[in-house]
Each structure stands twice: as C-alpha cells, then as structure tokens.
C-alpha cells in the first residue's frame, strides 16, 4: 500500500524522504494488526522496513528484519488460529505512534518458545493488553517496542515460557 505523504527532505544520492502524516502512520500501525489477523504475510511484510528492529520488551528479545519478523508472527498465529487484535488507544506525533492494543486467541497449535522448544497446545484461551511504541519512516515501520505482561499470557495458558 502506498501513501501520498509529503516530500520533506532530499538526502544523499538524491534519496527523497516522504514525511507521512500522523494519520497515515496510524493507519500503517492498524493495518499491521489487520494483516496479521488475516494471515496476509505479504501485506504484513510490506508495512515493515527491511532493517526493522522489533523488540519484545518482556523477553528482551529483538528481532531484526522483515523475514525474521514475518516468520515469528506467522508461527505465533499458527499456534492461535483464532488470534485477533483490537486497537484501543492510538496516539501519533510526527513519526511515532503509541499503540494500545488488546489481543485474544486460543492455543490450538504448537507455540515456539524463545529458546526454540515448542509448547504443545493447551486448548486454553488468552486475553492480554499491551502498548507498543512504533517508529515509522516513509510509510514503513522501522522500530517497534512491544510492552505487555508475559506472565498473564503464560498463566492463562498454563505454561512456562
């Protein structure tokens, strides 16, 4: 998806940076969740910059790049096929978006832990909320810091992560 944006500066080698409106940046963040719920990994990947850094703050893990992030999210959604995410509060300023979300799903597929081991399906549902601080450039997400309570998720599922 392309956004018109405004040309705000010309960088090295004639690279033109588009200044996106706050509304456009908020739309990108919302579209990311929508693409994830649909399992539309091409659309999901199109919203992420190649050199994106995605930090799962509770674990301290940072994912680098589109391919690694798409793989991680695809694996998560496979473990929770009814996964849904809802925007609660979304606030933007310049190239930053603060995104409060709530998510829900039922654990019916294997869930990969950060150490690579798989947790077998429990059949239990989860509901959690969190906040992400999202930085965008030229209509793509370059940095995403996701803050949520991991303990709530693991307790609801009856697992250790």
Protein backbone atom coordinates (compact mmCIF):
# COMPACT_ATOMS: atom_id res chain seq x y z
CA UNK A 1 0.00 0.00 0.00
CA UNK A 2 1.30 3.44 -0.79
CA UNK A 3 0.57 6.70 0.93
CA UNK A 4 0.96 10.09 -0.73
CA UNK A 5 2.98 11.67 2.09
CA UNK A 6 4.78 14.95 1.72
CA UNK A 7 8.32 15.35 0.45
CA UNK A 8 10.23 16.82 3.36
CA UNK A 9 13.88 16.42 2.50
CA UNK A 10 16.31 15.15 -0.07
CA UNK A 11 19.17 13.08 1.31
CA UNK A 12 22.38 11.58 -0.09
CA UNK A 13 22.34 10.34 -3.68
CA UNK A 14 19.07 12.16 -4.31
CA UNK A 15 17.06 9.93 -1.93
CA UNK A 16 13.79 11.68 -1.19
CA UNK A 17 12.26 11.15 2.22
CA UNK A 18 8.50 11.41 2.44
CA UNK A 19 7.10 12.96 5.59
CA UNK A 20 3.98 10.94 6.34
CA UNK A 21 1.05 12.50 8.12
CA UNK A 22 0.27 11.31 11.64
CA UNK A 23 -2.96 9.84 10.27
CA UNK A 24 -1.03 7.85 7.63
CA UNK A 25 1.35 6.50 10.27
CA UNK A 26 -1.55 5.45 12.50
CA UNK A 27 -3.15 3.74 9.50
CA UNK A 28 0.05 1.72 8.89
CA UNK A 29 0.08 0.51 12.51
CA UNK A 30 -3.59 -0.50 12.37
CA UNK A 31 -3.08 -2.25 9.01
CA UNK A 32 -0.27 -4.31 10.52
CA UNK A 33 -2.66 -5.88 13.04
CA UNK A 34 -5.30 -6.41 10.37
CA UNK A 35 -2.83 -8.17 8.06
CA UNK A 36 -1.68 -10.36 10.95
CA UNK A 37 -5.26 -11.39 11.76
CA UNK A 38 -5.91 -12.26 8.10
CA UNK A 39 -2.63 -14.14 7.81
CA UNK A 40 -1.74 -11.89 4.88
CA UNK A 41 2.02 -12.08 5.33
CA UNK A 42 2.79 -10.26 2.07
CA UNK A 43 0.75 -7.23 3.21
CA UNK A 44 2.26 -7.54 6.71
CA UNK A 45 5.79 -7.56 5.30
CA UNK A 46 5.07 -4.58 3.03
CA UNK A 47 4.43 -2.44 6.13
CA UNK A 48 7.83 -3.27 7.67
CA UNK A 49 11.15 -1.67 6.70
CA UNK A 50 13.88 -4.14 5.65
CA UNK A 51 16.06 -3.12 8.60
CA UNK A 52 13.24 -3.03 11.17
CA UNK A 53 14.02 -3.70 14.85
CA UNK A 54 11.12 -5.30 16.73
CA UNK A 55 11.70 -5.61 20.47
CA UNK A 56 9.64 -7.91 22.65
CA UNK A 57 10.34 -5.92 25.81
CA UNK A 58 9.27 -8.58 28.38
CA UNK A 59 11.75 -11.12 26.99
CA UNK A 60 14.38 -8.60 25.93
CA UNK A 61 14.48 -10.25 22.51
CA UNK A 62 14.96 -8.06 19.43
CA UNK A 63 14.02 -9.35 16.01
CA UNK A 64 15.89 -7.83 13.07
CA UNK A 65 14.44 -7.52 9.58
CA UNK A 66 11.27 -8.40 7.76
CA UNK A 67 11.91 -12.11 7.15
CA UNK A 68 12.63 -12.93 10.80
CA UNK A 69 9.62 -10.91 11.99
CA UNK A 70 7.19 -12.44 9.48
CA UNK A 71 8.39 -15.92 10.43
CA UNK A 72 7.95 -15.22 14.16
CA UNK A 73 4.46 -13.73 13.74
CA UNK A 74 3.37 -16.50 11.35
CA UNK A 75 4.47 -19.11 13.91
CA UNK A 76 2.59 -17.31 16.70
CA UNK A 77 -0.64 -17.02 14.69
CA UNK A 78 -0.37 -20.71 13.71
CA UNK A 79 -0.43 -21.54 17.44
CA UNK A 80 -3.53 -19.32 17.87
CA UNK A 81 -5.54 -19.62 14.62
CA UNK A 82 -8.41 -17.53 16.02
CA UNK A 83 -5.98 -14.76 17.01
CA UNK A 84 -7.45 -11.29 16.99
CA UNK A 85 -6.10 -7.90 17.93
CA UNK A 86 -8.05 -4.74 18.61
CA UNK A 87 -6.83 -1.17 18.67
CA UNK A 88 -7.74 0.53 21.93
CA UNK A 89 -5.94 3.88 22.07
CA UNK A 90 -3.72 5.14 19.27
CA UNK A 91 -1.81 8.41 19.54
CA UNK A 92 0.60 9.78 16.97
CA UNK A 93 3.15 12.53 16.82
CA UNK A 94 5.46 13.04 13.87
CA UNK A 95 6.99 9.62 13.06
CA UNK A 96 5.97 7.99 16.36
CA UNK A 97 2.79 6.12 17.22
CA UNK A 98 1.79 4.92 20.69
CA UNK A 99 -0.48 1.95 20.16
CA UNK A 100 -2.51 0.37 22.97
CA UNK A 101 -3.87 -2.99 21.87
CA UNK A 102 -5.78 -5.97 23.22
CA UNK A 103 -5.35 -9.46 21.81
CA UNK A 104 -7.12 -12.75 22.20
CA UNK A 105 -6.68 -16.29 20.91
CA UNK A 106 -6.99 -19.99 21.70
CA UNK A 107 -3.85 -22.12 21.93
CA UNK A 108 -4.54 -24.95 19.46
CA UNK A 109 -1.14 -25.31 17.77
CA UNK A 110 2.48 -25.70 18.91
CA UNK A 111 3.95 -22.47 20.32
CA UNK A 112 7.67 -21.89 19.92
CA UNK A 113 9.47 -20.55 22.97
CA UNK A 114 12.31 -18.03 22.66
CA UNK A 115 14.76 -20.93 23.32
CA UNK A 116 13.37 -22.80 20.28
CA UNK A 117 11.50 -25.53 22.19
CA UNK A 118 7.81 -25.99 21.39
CA UNK A 119 4.95 -25.84 23.87
CA UNK A 120 2.19 -28.27 22.93
CA UNK A 121 -1.35 -26.88 22.55
CA UNK A 122 -3.30 -26.44 25.78
CA UNK A 123 -6.66 -25.59 24.20
CA UNK A 124 -6.87 -22.62 26.55
CA UNK A 125 -7.74 -19.06 25.52
CA UNK A 126 -5.79 -15.94 26.40
CA UNK A 127 -6.63 -12.26 26.53
CA UNK A 128 -3.97 -9.64 27.08
CA UNK A 129 -3.35 -5.97 26.56
CA UNK A 130 -0.19 -4.09 25.81
CA UNK A 131 1.30 -0.93 24.42
CA UNK A 132 3.68 -0.56 21.52
CA UNK A 133 5.83 2.43 20.70
CA UNK A 134 6.20 2.41 16.93
CA UNK A 135 8.59 4.48 14.83
CA UNK A 136 7.88 4.86 11.13
CA UNK A 137 9.82 6.22 8.19
CA UNK A 138 8.49 6.63 4.66
CA UNK A 139 5.31 4.72 5.50
CA UNK A 140 7.09 1.68 6.94
CA UNK A 141 7.74 0.53 10.49
CA UNK A 142 11.43 0.85 11.38
CA UNK A 143 11.22 0.21 15.13
CA UNK A 144 8.54 -1.46 17.25
CA UNK A 145 8.89 -1.82 21.02
CA UNK A 146 6.14 -4.07 22.40
CA UNK A 147 5.33 -3.83 26.14
CA UNK A 148 2.98 -6.39 27.68
CA UNK A 149 2.67 -8.69 30.69
CA UNK A 150 4.08 -12.06 29.63
CA UNK A 151 3.08 -13.65 32.97
CA UNK A 152 -0.60 -13.00 32.23
CA UNK A 153 -0.29 -14.95 28.98
CA UNK A 154 1.58 -17.90 30.48
CA UNK A 155 -0.75 -18.16 33.47
CA UNK A 156 -3.85 -18.15 31.26
CA UNK A 157 -2.34 -20.87 29.05
CA UNK A 158 -0.95 -22.86 31.99
CA UNK A 159 2.57 -22.93 30.53
CA UNK A 160 6.10 -21.79 31.34
CA UNK A 161 7.91 -19.58 28.89
